[in-house]
């Protein structure tokens, strides 16, 4: 089977690329890392106007309906431009609240009704912590709502601990505890598992975009850097390294889109396909980062070079919402 994005989806990707190109995302990342969220929130508002967050919210809550494939298209562009903030966690929180409302009956979906319209419109930045997967919430200090699933209880609000360092300066981690109980029971566990799948899929798409950006920037650089009087891009060994990265990214992309289609169709194999996409995209992005670092030489290590912001994203994205080992185990178990 041959799968390609349709014209509307490709145009959506191009429009997001143009929008984010006009934003100074490296400056927004550095401000975010320093605790100044204003530039990042400005980018967030523009993304909301473009309908990015509405893709994870059903129409009855002012969204476009849950559209996994379009969501992966959007998150690939967000990764390509290294947009800071709890992007994945916000759409995962939306999926959690929506699924919880469905499981409990629409009339019992008060939590969804009070938060989802704000997420769709970009007014609510959300973070999500599933304690079964890890104790930290991403960018809780910048979030308007922090959701925590501990066992079979869903809480919102509460206290957050001090910010913990991350390999990616644009990722600010802190422990979240306490808060108002929104729901309890087995439906919370079911909805949380679904939200974790959505988060893993969005993270895979984000990693794919980061890898694409690293490859593009590295190809441009090896055309300019010279050694022995010629561009290093003409060396066979360099070509092979870049070709390996390209093949890895090209192999990951259809897995990400295929997992999105499986999730949209409600396939019982969606979890396995998401795990396969997550590990493949994460490893491809990590390979792109190592290649970019090696071919840029010593300059690749410097904080002043914007490339370092992309390089330092790959390892956290590879491990977030499912480490490679956990994803491989899930594929094998299925």
C-alpha atoms as a PDB file:
ATOM      1  CA  UNK A   1       0.000   0.000   0.000  1.00  0.00           C
ATOM      2  CA  UNK A   2       1.237   3.475  -0.885  1.00  0.00           C
ATOM      3  CA  UNK A   3       0.325   6.239   1.526  1.00  0.00           C
ATOM      4  CA  UNK A   4       0.757   9.964   0.948  1.00  0.00           C
ATOM      5  CA  UNK A   5      -0.604  13.003   2.716  1.00  0.00           C
ATOM      6  CA  UNK A   6      -3.345  14.693   0.740  1.00  0.00           C
ATOM      7  CA  UNK A   7      -3.081  18.219  -0.656  1.00  0.00           C
ATOM      8  CA  UNK A   8      -4.867  19.807   2.306  1.00  0.00           C
ATOM      9  CA  UNK A   9      -2.578  18.125   4.836  1.00  0.00           C
ATOM     10  CA  UNK A  10       0.535  19.138   2.904  1.00  0.00           C
ATOM     11  CA  UNK A  11      -0.712  22.720   2.720  1.00  0.00           C
ATOM     12  CA  UNK A  12      -1.356  22.665   6.471  1.00  0.00           C
ATOM     13  CA  UNK A  13       2.249  21.592   7.027  1.00  0.00           C
ATOM     14  CA  UNK A  14       3.534  24.334   4.729  1.00  0.00           C
ATOM     15  CA  UNK A  15       1.432  26.977   6.472  1.00  0.00           C
ATOM     16  CA  UNK A  16       2.758  25.932   9.899  1.00  0.00           C
ATOM     17  CA  UNK A  17       6.293  25.921   8.557  1.00  0.00           C
ATOM     18  CA  UNK A  18       5.832  29.454   7.246  1.00  0.00           C
ATOM     19  CA  UNK A  19       4.244  30.625  10.496  1.00  0.00           C
ATOM     20  CA  UNK A  20       7.015  29.201  12.679  1.00  0.00           C
ATOM     21  CA  UNK A  21       9.767  30.392  10.342  1.00  0.00           C
ATOM     22  CA  UNK A  22       8.577  33.932  11.027  1.00  0.00           C
ATOM     23  CA  UNK A  23       8.881  33.308  14.783  1.00  0.00           C
ATOM     24  CA  UNK A  24      12.260  33.466  16.504  1.00  0.00           C
ATOM     25  CA  UNK A  25      11.950  30.058  18.152  1.00  0.00           C
ATOM     26  CA  UNK A  26      15.604  29.853  19.325  1.00  0.00           C
ATOM     27  CA  UNK A  27      15.086  33.074  21.280  1.00  0.00           C
ATOM     28  CA  UNK A  28      11.795  31.708  22.642  1.00  0.00           C
ATOM     29  CA  UNK A  29      13.568  28.533  23.793  1.00  0.00           C
ATOM     30  CA  UNK A  30      16.286  30.463  25.573  1.00  0.00           C
ATOM     31  CA  UNK A  31      13.730  32.712  27.271  1.00  0.00           C
ATOM     32  CA  UNK A  32      11.682  29.663  28.265  1.00  0.00           C
ATOM     33  CA  UNK A  33      14.759  28.024  29.768  1.00  0.00           C
ATOM     34  CA  UNK A  34      15.360  31.161  31.831  1.00  0.00           C
ATOM     35  CA  UNK A  35      11.790  31.119  33.160  1.00  0.00           C
ATOM     36  CA  UNK A  36      10.436  33.851  30.871  1.00  0.00           C
ATOM     37  CA  UNK A  37       7.415  32.283  29.192  1.00  0.00           C
ATOM     38  CA  UNK A  38       6.110  35.339  27.331  1.00  0.00           C
ATOM     39  CA  UNK A  39       7.825  34.692  23.954  1.00  0.00           C
ATOM     40  CA  UNK A  40       6.814  31.022  24.076  1.00  0.00           C
ATOM     41  CA  UNK A  41       3.225  31.892  24.944  1.00  0.00           C
ATOM     42  CA  UNK A  42       3.157  34.291  21.996  1.00  0.00           C
ATOM     43  CA  UNK A  43       4.144  31.426  19.666  1.00  0.00           C
ATOM     44  CA  UNK A  44       1.563  29.239  21.435  1.00  0.00           C
ATOM     45  CA  UNK A  45      -1.190  31.779  20.685  1.00  0.00           C
ATOM     46  CA  UNK A  46      -0.299  31.814  16.995  1.00  0.00           C
ATOM     47  CA  UNK A  47      -0.375  28.019  16.879  1.00  0.00           C
ATOM     48  CA  UNK A  48      -3.805  28.054  18.525  1.00  0.00           C
ATOM     49  CA  UNK A  49      -5.036  30.514  15.903  1.00  0.00           C
ATOM     50  CA  UNK A  50      -3.805  28.059  13.261  1.00  0.00           C
ATOM     51  CA  UNK A  51      -5.940  25.343  14.883  1.00  0.00           C
ATOM     52  CA  UNK A  52      -3.165  23.076  16.165  1.00  0.00           C
ATOM     53  CA  UNK A  53      -4.655  22.379  19.604  1.00  0.00           C
ATOM     54  CA  UNK A  54      -8.198  22.145  18.258  1.00  0.00           C
ATOM     55  CA  UNK A  55      -7.060  18.988  16.420  1.00  0.00           C
ATOM     56  CA  UNK A  56      -7.105  17.151  19.776  1.00  0.00           C
ATOM     57  CA  UNK A  57     -10.481  18.471  20.938  1.00  0.00           C
ATOM     58  CA  UNK A  58     -13.918  17.200  19.816  1.00  0.00           C
ATOM     59  CA  UNK A  59     -16.320  19.531  18.028  1.00  0.00           C
ATOM     60  CA  UNK A  60     -18.724  19.661  20.971  1.00  0.00           C
ATOM     61  CA  UNK A  61     -15.966  21.408  22.932  1.00  0.00           C
ATOM     62  CA  UNK A  62     -15.029  23.918  20.208  1.00  0.00           C
ATOM     63  CA  UNK A  63     -12.439  21.742  18.518  1.00  0.00           C
ATOM     64  CA  UNK A  64     -12.128  20.181  15.087  1.00  0.00           C
ATOM     65  CA  UNK A  65     -12.642  16.642  16.357  1.00  0.00           C
ATOM     66  CA  UNK A  66      -9.809  14.336  17.341  1.00  0.00           C
ATOM     67  CA  UNK A  67      -7.702  14.035  14.162  1.00  0.00           C
ATOM     68  CA  UNK A  68      -4.571  11.948  14.870  1.00  0.00           C
ATOM     69  CA  UNK A  69      -3.065  12.152  11.387  1.00  0.00           C
ATOM     70  CA  UNK A  70      -3.357  15.936  11.199  1.00  0.00           C
ATOM     71  CA  UNK A  71      -1.962  16.082  14.724  1.00  0.00           C
ATOM     72  CA  UNK A  72       1.180  14.212  13.618  1.00  0.00           C
ATOM     73  CA  UNK A  73       1.544  16.578  10.655  1.00  0.00           C
ATOM     74  CA  UNK A  74       1.390  19.535  13.054  1.00  0.00           C
ATOM     75  CA  UNK A  75       3.782  18.044  15.609  1.00  0.00           C
ATOM     76  CA  UNK A  76       6.336  17.218  12.943  1.00  0.00           C
ATOM     77  CA  UNK A  77       6.460  20.940  12.157  1.00  0.00           C
ATOM     78  CA  UNK A  78       6.583  21.829  15.859  1.00  0.00           C
ATOM     79  CA  UNK A  79       9.595  19.538  16.195  1.00  0.00           C
ATOM     80  CA  UNK A  80      11.185  20.924  13.044  1.00  0.00           C
ATOM     81  CA  UNK A  81      11.110  24.381  14.638  1.00  0.00           C
ATOM     82  CA  UNK A  82      11.818  23.167  18.215  1.00  0.00           C
ATOM     83  CA  UNK A  83       8.846  25.021  19.708  1.00  0.00           C
ATOM     84  CA  UNK A  84       9.108  25.043  23.533  1.00  0.00           C
ATOM     85  CA  UNK A  85       6.359  24.240  26.009  1.00  0.00           C
ATOM     86  CA  UNK A  86       4.195  21.279  27.087  1.00  0.00           C
ATOM     87  CA  UNK A  87       2.773  20.784  23.612  1.00  0.00           C
ATOM     88  CA  UNK A  88       2.521  17.005  23.841  1.00  0.00           C
ATOM     89  CA  UNK A  89       1.168  17.136  27.368  1.00  0.00           C
ATOM     90  CA  UNK A  90      -1.560  19.599  26.402  1.00  0.00           C
ATOM     91  CA  UNK A  91      -2.957  17.429  23.606  1.00  0.00           C
ATOM     92  CA  UNK A  92      -2.570  14.329  25.798  1.00  0.00           C
ATOM     93  CA  UNK A  93      -4.518  16.045  28.589  1.00  0.00           C
ATOM     94  CA  UNK A  94      -7.224  16.911  26.055  1.00  0.00           C
ATOM     95  CA  UNK A  95      -7.382  13.264  24.970  1.00  0.00           C
ATOM     96  CA  UNK A  96      -7.579  12.158  28.605  1.00  0.00           C
ATOM     97  CA  UNK A  97     -10.460  14.500  29.454  1.00  0.00           C
ATOM     98  CA  UNK A  98     -12.346  13.689  26.267  1.00  0.00           C
ATOM     99  CA  UNK A  99     -12.028   9.935  26.712  1.00  0.00           C
ATOM    100  CA  UNK A 100     -12.969  10.233  30.374  1.00  0.00           C
ATOM    101  CA  UNK A 101     -16.089  12.157  29.423  1.00  0.00           C
ATOM    102  CA  UNK A 102     -17.009   9.476  26.877  1.00  0.00           C
ATOM    103  CA  UNK A 103     -16.482   6.634  29.340  1.00  0.00           C
ATOM    104  CA  UNK A 104     -18.496   8.343  32.064  1.00  0.00           C
ATOM    105  CA  UNK A 105     -21.205   9.592  29.713  1.00  0.00           C
ATOM    106  CA  UNK A 106     -21.342  13.062  28.208  1.00  0.00           C
ATOM    107  CA  UNK A 107     -23.526  14.353  31.016  1.00  0.00           C
ATOM    108  CA  UNK A 108     -20.798  13.389  33.475  1.00  0.00           C
ATOM    109  CA  UNK A 109     -18.054  15.081  31.443  1.00  0.00           C
ATOM    110  CA  UNK A 110     -17.966  18.297  33.472  1.00  0.00           C
ATOM    111  CA  UNK A 111     -14.151  18.180  33.683  1.00  0.00           C
ATOM    112  CA  UNK A 112     -13.908  18.049  29.899  1.00  0.00           C
ATOM    113  CA  UNK A 113     -16.416  20.826  29.441  1.00  0.00           C
ATOM    114  CA  UNK A 114     -14.538  23.171  31.754  1.00  0.00           C
ATOM    115  CA  UNK A 115     -11.062  22.657  30.290  1.00  0.00           C
ATOM    116  CA  UNK A 116     -11.304  21.512  26.660  1.00  0.00           C
ATOM    117  CA  UNK A 117     -12.608  24.764  25.112  1.00  0.00           C
ATOM    118  CA  UNK A 118      -9.667  26.622  26.658  1.00  0.00           C
ATOM    119  CA  UNK A 119      -7.206  24.063  25.293  1.00  0.00           C
ATOM    120  CA  UNK A 120      -8.733  24.272  21.817  1.00  0.00           C
ATOM    121  CA  UNK A 121      -8.533  28.054  21.826  1.00  0.00           C
ATOM    122  CA  UNK A 122      -4.990  28.202  23.169  1.00  0.00           C
ATOM    123  CA  UNK A 123      -5.988  29.939  26.396  1.00  0.00           C
ATOM    124  CA  UNK A 124      -5.200  26.892  28.540  1.00  0.00           C
ATOM    125  CA  UNK A 125      -1.675  25.502  28.579  1.00  0.00           C
ATOM    126  CA  UNK A 126      -1.860  22.119  30.272  1.00  0.00           C
ATOM    127  CA  UNK A 127       0.682  19.705  31.674  1.00  0.00           C
ATOM    128  CA  UNK A 128       0.055  16.045  32.403  1.00  0.00           C
ATOM    129  CA  UNK A 129       1.795  13.643  34.760  1.00  0.00           C
ATOM    130  CA  UNK A 130       1.005   9.938  34.805  1.00  0.00           C
ATOM    131  CA  UNK A 131       2.819   8.787  37.915  1.00  0.00           C
ATOM    132  CA  UNK A 132       2.923   5.222  36.620  1.00  0.00           C
ATOM    133  CA  UNK A 133       5.267   6.429  33.853  1.00  0.00           C
ATOM    134  CA  UNK A 134       7.245   8.994  35.831  1.00  0.00           C
ATOM    135  CA  UNK A 135       7.002  11.462  38.702  1.00  0.00           C
ATOM    136  CA  UNK A 136       7.530  14.682  36.753  1.00  0.00           C
ATOM    137  CA  UNK A 137       5.221  17.117  34.988  1.00  0.00           C
ATOM    138  CA  UNK A 138       6.687  19.080  32.088  1.00  0.00           C
ATOM    139  CA  UNK A 139       6.645  22.882  32.373  1.00  0.00           C
ATOM    140  CA  UNK A 140       4.252  22.851  35.293  1.00  0.00           C
ATOM    141  CA  UNK A 141       5.474  26.331  36.215  1.00  0.00           C
ATOM    142  CA  UNK A 142       4.172  27.640  32.883  1.00  0.00           C
ATOM    143  CA  UNK A 143       0.939  25.647  32.756  1.00  0.00           C
ATOM    144  CA  UNK A 144      -2.521  26.989  33.504  1.00  0.00           C
ATOM    145  CA  UNK A 145      -3.663  23.520  34.579  1.00  0.00           C
ATOM    146  CA  UNK A 146      -1.588  20.570  35.783  1.00  0.00           C
ATOM    147  CA  UNK A 147      -3.330  17.189  35.639  1.00  0.00           C
ATOM    148  CA  UNK A 148      -1.956  14.284  37.656  1.00  0.00           C
ATOM    149  CA  UNK A 149      -3.115  10.672  37.378  1.00  0.00           C
ATOM    150  CA  UNK A 150      -2.035   8.700  40.427  1.00  0.00           C
ATOM    151  CA  UNK A 151      -3.428   5.194  40.432  1.00  0.00           C
ATOM    152  CA  UNK A 152      -7.110   5.500  39.557  1.00  0.00           C
ATOM    153  CA  UNK A 153      -7.470   9.136  40.639  1.00  0.00           C
ATOM    154  CA  UNK A 154      -7.283  12.212  38.418  1.00  0.00           C
ATOM    155  CA  UNK A 155      -6.360  15.473  40.125  1.00  0.00           C
ATOM    156  CA  UNK A 156      -5.867  19.010  38.869  1.00  0.00           C
ATOM    157  CA  UNK A 157      -3.971  21.864  40.475  1.00  0.00           C
ATOM    158  CA  UNK A 158      -2.006  21.114  43.583  1.00  0.00           C
ATOM    159  CA  UNK A 159       1.577  22.004  44.334  1.00  0.00           C
ATOM    160  CA  UNK A 160       4.635  21.703  42.146  1.00  0.00           C
ATOM    161  CA  UNK A 161       8.164  21.243  43.358  1.00  0.00           C
ATOM    162  CA  UNK A 162      11.317  23.053  42.228  1.00  0.00           C
ATOM    163  CA  UNK A 163      12.308  22.855  38.584  1.00  0.00           C
ATOM    164  CA  UNK A 164      14.684  20.007  37.777  1.00  0.00           C
ATOM    165  CA  UNK A 165      17.371  20.279  35.077  1.00  0.00           C
ATOM    166  CA  UNK A 166      16.968  18.469  31.778  1.00  0.00           C
ATOM    167  CA  UNK A 167      19.313  17.729  28.905  1.00  0.00           C
ATOM    168  CA  UNK A 168      17.034  19.991  26.871  1.00  0.00           C
ATOM    169  CA  UNK A 169      17.072  23.532  28.304  1.00  0.00           C
ATOM    170  CA  UNK A 170      13.585  24.057  26.919  1.00  0.00           C
ATOM    171  CA  UNK A 171      12.156  21.254  29.087  1.00  0.00           C
ATOM    172  CA  UNK A 172      11.484  22.234  32.716  1.00  0.00           C
ATOM    173  CA  UNK A 173      10.536  19.290  34.919  1.00  0.00           C
ATOM    174  CA  UNK A 174       8.969  19.401  38.378  1.00  0.00           C
ATOM    175  CA  UNK A 175       7.057  17.074  40.665  1.00  0.00           C
ATOM    176  CA  UNK A 176       3.328  17.667  40.996  1.00  0.00           C
ATOM    177  CA  UNK A 177       1.247  16.534  43.959  1.00  0.00           C
ATOM    178  CA  UNK A 178      -2.110  17.100  45.581  1.00  0.00           C
ATOM    179  CA  UNK A 179      -4.893  19.016  43.915  1.00  0.00           C
ATOM    180  CA  UNK A 180      -8.635  18.708  43.441  1.00  0.00           C
ATOM    181  CA  UNK A 181      -9.941  15.259  42.553  1.00  0.00           C
ATOM    182  CA  UNK A 182     -11.783  15.367  39.221  1.00  0.00           C
ATOM    183  CA  UNK A 183     -12.530  11.677  38.847  1.00  0.00           C
ATOM    184  CA  UNK A 184     -11.758   8.288  40.358  1.00  0.00           C
ATOM    185  CA  UNK A 185     -12.182   4.701  39.325  1.00  0.00           C
ATOM    186  CA  UNK A 186     -11.284   2.326  36.483  1.00  0.00           C
ATOM    187  CA  UNK A 187     -12.381   4.802  33.808  1.00  0.00           C
ATOM    188  CA  UNK A 188      -9.492   7.052  34.854  1.00  0.00           C
ATOM    189  CA  UNK A 189      -7.014   4.212  34.322  1.00  0.00           C
ATOM    190  CA  UNK A 190      -8.469   3.450  30.887  1.00  0.00           C
ATOM    191  CA  UNK A 191      -8.467   7.104  29.842  1.00  0.00           C
ATOM    192  CA  UNK A 192      -4.905   7.571  31.098  1.00  0.00           C
ATOM    193  CA  UNK A 193      -3.666   4.653  28.994  1.00  0.00           C
ATOM    194  CA  UNK A 194      -5.300   6.203  25.952  1.00  0.00           C
ATOM    195  CA  UNK A 195      -3.737   9.601  26.735  1.00  0.00           C
ATOM    196  CA  UNK A 196      -0.322   7.958  27.052  1.00  0.00           C
ATOM    197  CA  UNK A 197      -0.722   6.540  23.525  1.00  0.00           C
ATOM    198  CA  UNK A 198      -1.653   9.975  22.174  1.00  0.00           C
ATOM    199  CA  UNK A 199       1.369  11.482  23.934  1.00  0.00           C
ATOM    200  CA  UNK A 200       3.692   8.811  22.536  1.00  0.00           C
ATOM    201  CA  UNK A 201       2.379   9.391  19.008  1.00  0.00           C
ATOM    202  CA  UNK A 202       2.773  13.173  19.245  1.00  0.00           C
ATOM    203  CA  UNK A 203       6.276  12.757  20.686  1.00  0.00           C
ATOM    204  CA  UNK A 204       7.224  10.463  17.814  1.00  0.00           C
ATOM    205  CA  UNK A 205       6.073  13.078  15.309  1.00  0.00           C
ATOM    206  CA  UNK A 206       7.939  15.787  17.204  1.00  0.00           C
ATOM    207  CA  UNK A 207      11.137  13.701  17.175  1.00  0.00           C
ATOM    208  CA  UNK A 208      10.701  13.138  13.444  1.00  0.00           C
ATOM    209  CA  UNK A 209      10.553  16.892  12.889  1.00  0.00           C
ATOM    210  CA  UNK A 210      13.638  17.502  15.037  1.00  0.00           C
ATOM    211  CA  UNK A 211      15.521  14.879  13.037  1.00  0.00           C
ATOM    212  CA  UNK A 212      14.459  16.467   9.743  1.00  0.00           C
ATOM    213  CA  UNK A 213      15.681  19.884  10.904  1.00  0.00           C
ATOM    214  CA  UNK A 214      19.035  18.464  12.027  1.00  0.00           C
ATOM    215  CA  UNK A 215      19.546  16.717   8.707  1.00  0.00           C
ATOM    216  CA  UNK A 216      18.688  19.855   6.711  1.00  0.00           C
ATOM    217  CA  UNK A 217      21.023  22.049   8.739  1.00  0.00           C
ATOM    218  CA  UNK A 218      23.847  19.526   8.570  1.00  0.00           C
ATOM    219  CA  UNK A 219      23.560  19.133   4.805  1.00  0.00           C
ATOM    220  CA  UNK A 220      23.749  22.908   4.446  1.00  0.00           C
ATOM    221  CA  UNK A 221      26.800  23.045   6.698  1.00  0.00           C
ATOM    222  CA  UNK A 222      28.842  20.330   4.964  1.00  0.00           C
ATOM    223  CA  UNK A 223      28.400  22.196   1.687  1.00  0.00           C
ATOM    224  CA  UNK A 224      30.132  25.210   3.255  1.00  0.00           C
ATOM    225  CA  UNK A 225      32.796  23.691   5.508  1.00  0.00           C
ATOM    226  CA  UNK A 226      35.995  22.936   3.651  1.00  0.00           C
ATOM    227  CA  UNK A 227      38.920  20.639   4.306  1.00  0.00           C
ATOM    228  CA  UNK A 228      41.928  20.112   2.033  1.00  0.00           C
ATOM    229  CA  UNK A 229      40.463  22.825  -0.147  1.00  0.00           C
ATOM    230  CA  UNK A 230      37.123  21.107  -0.860  1.00  0.00           C
ATOM    231  CA  UNK A 231      33.719  20.984   0.833  1.00  0.00           C
ATOM    232  CA  UNK A 232      33.518  18.088   3.274  1.00  0.00           C
ATOM    233  CA  UNK A 233      30.121  17.233   1.799  1.00  0.00           C
ATOM    234  CA  UNK A 234      31.974  15.804  -1.180  1.00  0.00           C
ATOM    235  CA  UNK A 235      33.638  13.128   0.963  1.00  0.00           C
ATOM    236  CA  UNK A 236      32.165   9.682   0.537  1.00  0.00           C
ATOM    237  CA  UNK A 237      32.177   8.949   4.271  1.00  0.00           C
ATOM    238  CA  UNK A 238      30.174  12.118   4.962  1.00  0.00           C
ATOM    239  CA  UNK A 239      27.668  11.256   2.244  1.00  0.00           C
ATOM    240  CA  UNK A 240      27.187   7.801   3.744  1.00  0.00           C
ATOM    241  CA  UNK A 241      26.537   9.214   7.235  1.00  0.00           C
ATOM    242  CA  UNK A 242      23.935  11.632   5.911  1.00  0.00           C
ATOM    243  CA  UNK A 243      22.351   8.944   3.731  1.00  0.00           C
ATOM    244  CA  UNK A 244      21.967   6.691   6.774  1.00  0.00           C
ATOM    245  CA  UNK A 245      20.165   9.488   8.631  1.00  0.00           C
ATOM    246  CA  UNK A 246      17.883  10.141   5.672  1.00  0.00           C
ATOM    247  CA  UNK A 247      16.976   6.458   5.360  1.00  0.00           C
ATOM    248  CA  UNK A 248      16.207   6.244   9.080  1.00  0.00           C
ATOM    249  CA  UNK A 249      13.920   9.297   8.939  1.00  0.00           C
ATOM    250  CA  UNK A 250      12.222   8.132   5.741  1.00  0.00           C
ATOM    251  CA  UNK A 251      11.554   4.761   7.350  1.00  0.00           C
ATOM    252  CA  UNK A 252      10.124   6.366  10.497  1.00  0.00           C
ATOM    253  CA  UNK A 253       7.694   8.729   8.766  1.00  0.00           C
ATOM    254  CA  UNK A 254       5.261   6.109   7.386  1.00  0.00           C
ATOM    255  CA  UNK A 255       5.291   4.318  10.741  1.00  0.00           C
ATOM    256  CA  UNK A 256       4.217   7.551  12.459  1.00  0.00           C
ATOM    257  CA  UNK A 257       1.448   8.170   9.942  1.00  0.00           C
ATOM    258  CA  UNK A 258       0.377   4.537  10.007  1.00  0.00           C
ATOM    259  CA  UNK A 259       0.112   4.619  13.802  1.00  0.00           C
ATOM    260  CA  UNK A 260      -2.014   7.760  13.547  1.00  0.00           C
ATOM    261  CA  UNK A 261      -4.381   6.034  11.128  1.00  0.00           C
ATOM    262  CA  UNK A 262      -4.606   3.007  13.429  1.00  0.00           C
ATOM    263  CA  UNK A 263      -5.438   5.241  16.386  1.00  0.00           C
ATOM    264  CA  UNK A 264      -8.067   7.118  14.376  1.00  0.00           C
ATOM    265  CA  UNK A 265      -9.668   3.838  13.329  1.00  0.00           C
ATOM    266  CA  UNK A 266      -9.693   2.510  16.899  1.00  0.00           C
ATOM    267  CA  UNK A 267      -7.609  -0.488  15.870  1.00  0.00           C
ATOM    268  CA  UNK A 268      -6.760  -2.937  18.675  1.00  0.00           C
ATOM    269  CA  UNK A 269      -3.206  -2.913  17.299  1.00  0.00           C
ATOM    270  CA  UNK A 270      -2.863   0.863  17.608  1.00  0.00           C
ATOM    271  CA  UNK A 271      -0.782   0.625  20.782  1.00  0.00           C
ATOM    272  CA  UNK A 272       1.736  -1.680  19.136  1.00  0.00           C
ATOM    273  CA  UNK A 273       1.974   0.550  16.059  1.00  0.00           C
ATOM    274  CA  UNK A 274       2.442   3.657  18.183  1.00  0.00           C
ATOM    275  CA  UNK A 275       5.231   1.943  20.128  1.00  0.00           C
ATOM    276  CA  UNK A 276       6.944   0.931  16.878  1.00  0.00           C
ATOM    277  CA  UNK A 277       6.654   4.478  15.524  1.00  0.00           C
ATOM    278  CA  UNK A 278       7.912   5.989  18.766  1.00  0.00           C
ATOM    279  CA  UNK A 279      11.064   3.888  18.995  1.00  0.00           C
ATOM    280  CA  UNK A 280      11.850   4.242  15.283  1.00  0.00           C
ATOM    281  CA  UNK A 281      11.372   8.019  15.153  1.00  0.00           C
ATOM    282  CA  UNK A 282      13.235   8.528  18.421  1.00  0.00           C
ATOM    283  CA  UNK A 283      16.230   6.490  17.296  1.00  0.00           C
ATOM    284  CA  UNK A 284      16.259   8.217  13.890  1.00  0.00           C
ATOM    285  CA  UNK A 285      16.307  11.649  15.525  1.00  0.00           C
ATOM    286  CA  UNK A 286      19.065  10.540  17.890  1.00  0.00           C
ATOM    287  CA  UNK A 287      21.126   9.327  14.930  1.00  0.00           C
ATOM    288  CA  UNK A 288      20.551  12.679  13.207  1.00  0.00           C
ATOM    289  CA  UNK A 289      21.794  14.479  16.330  1.00  0.00           C
ATOM    290  CA  UNK A 290      24.974  12.402  16.599  1.00  0.00           C
ATOM    291  CA  UNK A 291      25.714  12.903  12.908  1.00  0.00           C
ATOM    292  CA  UNK A 292      25.062  16.641  13.130  1.00  0.00           C
ATOM    293  CA  UNK A 293      27.347  16.931  16.138  1.00  0.00           C
ATOM    294  CA  UNK A 294      30.169  15.009  14.504  1.00  0.00           C
ATOM    295  CA  UNK A 295      30.020  16.790  11.151  1.00  0.00           C
ATOM    296  CA  UNK A 296      29.792  20.235  12.722  1.00  0.00           C
ATOM    297  CA  UNK A 297      32.909  19.508  14.740  1.00  0.00           C
ATOM    298  CA  UNK A 298      33.725  21.449  17.903  1.00  0.00           C
ATOM    299  CA  UNK A 299      31.280  24.223  17.031  1.00  0.00           C
ATOM    300  CA  UNK A 300      28.437  21.748  17.483  1.00  0.00           C
ATOM    301  CA  UNK A 301      29.048  21.685  21.234  1.00  0.00           C
ATOM    302  CA  UNK A 302      28.562  25.400  21.761  1.00  0.00           C
ATOM    303  CA  UNK A 303      25.462  26.869  23.372  1.00  0.00           C
ATOM    304  CA  UNK A 304      25.738  29.900  21.111  1.00  0.00           C
ATOM    305  CA  UNK A 305      25.005  27.785  18.038  1.00  0.00           C
ATOM    306  CA  UNK A 306      21.254  27.394  17.574  1.00  0.00           C
ATOM    307  CA  UNK A 307      21.818  23.852  16.339  1.00  0.00           C
ATOM    308  CA  UNK A 308      22.592  22.797  19.917  1.00  0.00           C
ATOM    309  CA  UNK A 309      18.959  23.494  20.865  1.00  0.00           C
ATOM    310  CA  UNK A 310      17.832  20.827  18.405  1.00  0.00           C
ATOM    311  CA  UNK A 311      20.607  18.391  19.295  1.00  0.00           C
ATOM    312  CA  UNK A 312      19.755  18.549  22.998  1.00  0.00           C
ATOM    313  CA  UNK A 313      16.096  17.798  22.324  1.00  0.00           C
ATOM    314  CA  UNK A 314      16.626  14.407  20.762  1.00  0.00           C
ATOM    315  CA  UNK A 315      17.608  12.384  23.829  1.00  0.00           C
ATOM    316  CA  UNK A 316      14.699  13.596  26.025  1.00  0.00           C
ATOM    317  CA  UNK A 317      12.223  13.069  23.174  1.00  0.00           C
ATOM    318  CA  UNK A 318      13.580   9.575  22.568  1.00  0.00           C
ATOM    319  CA  UNK A 319      12.895   8.644  26.199  1.00  0.00           C
ATOM    320  CA  UNK A 320       9.734  10.667  26.934  1.00  0.00           C
ATOM    321  CA  UNK A 321       6.401   8.801  26.954  1.00  0.00           C
ATOM    322  CA  UNK A 322       8.049   5.451  26.354  1.00  0.00           C
ATOM    323  CA  UNK A 323      11.745   4.599  26.387  1.00  0.00           C
ATOM    324  CA  UNK A 324      13.132   2.577  23.466  1.00  0.00           C
ATOM    325  CA  UNK A 325      13.294  -0.504  25.694  1.00  0.00           C
ATOM    326  CA  UNK A 326       9.691  -0.101  26.821  1.00  0.00           C
ATOM    327  CA  UNK A 327       8.474   0.449  23.261  1.00  0.00           C
ATOM    328  CA  UNK A 328      10.315  -2.600  21.960  1.00  0.00           C
ATOM    329  CA  UNK A 329       8.914  -4.708  24.797  1.00  0.00           C
ATOM    330  CA  UNK A 330       5.411  -3.538  23.936  1.00  0.00           C
ATOM    331  CA  UNK A 331       5.852  -4.440  20.271  1.00  0.00           C
ATOM    332  CA  UNK A 332       7.185  -7.888  21.167  1.00  0.00           C
ATOM    333  CA  UNK A 333       4.436  -8.503  23.712  1.00  0.00           C
ATOM    334  CA  UNK A 334       1.766  -7.639  21.157  1.00  0.00           C
END
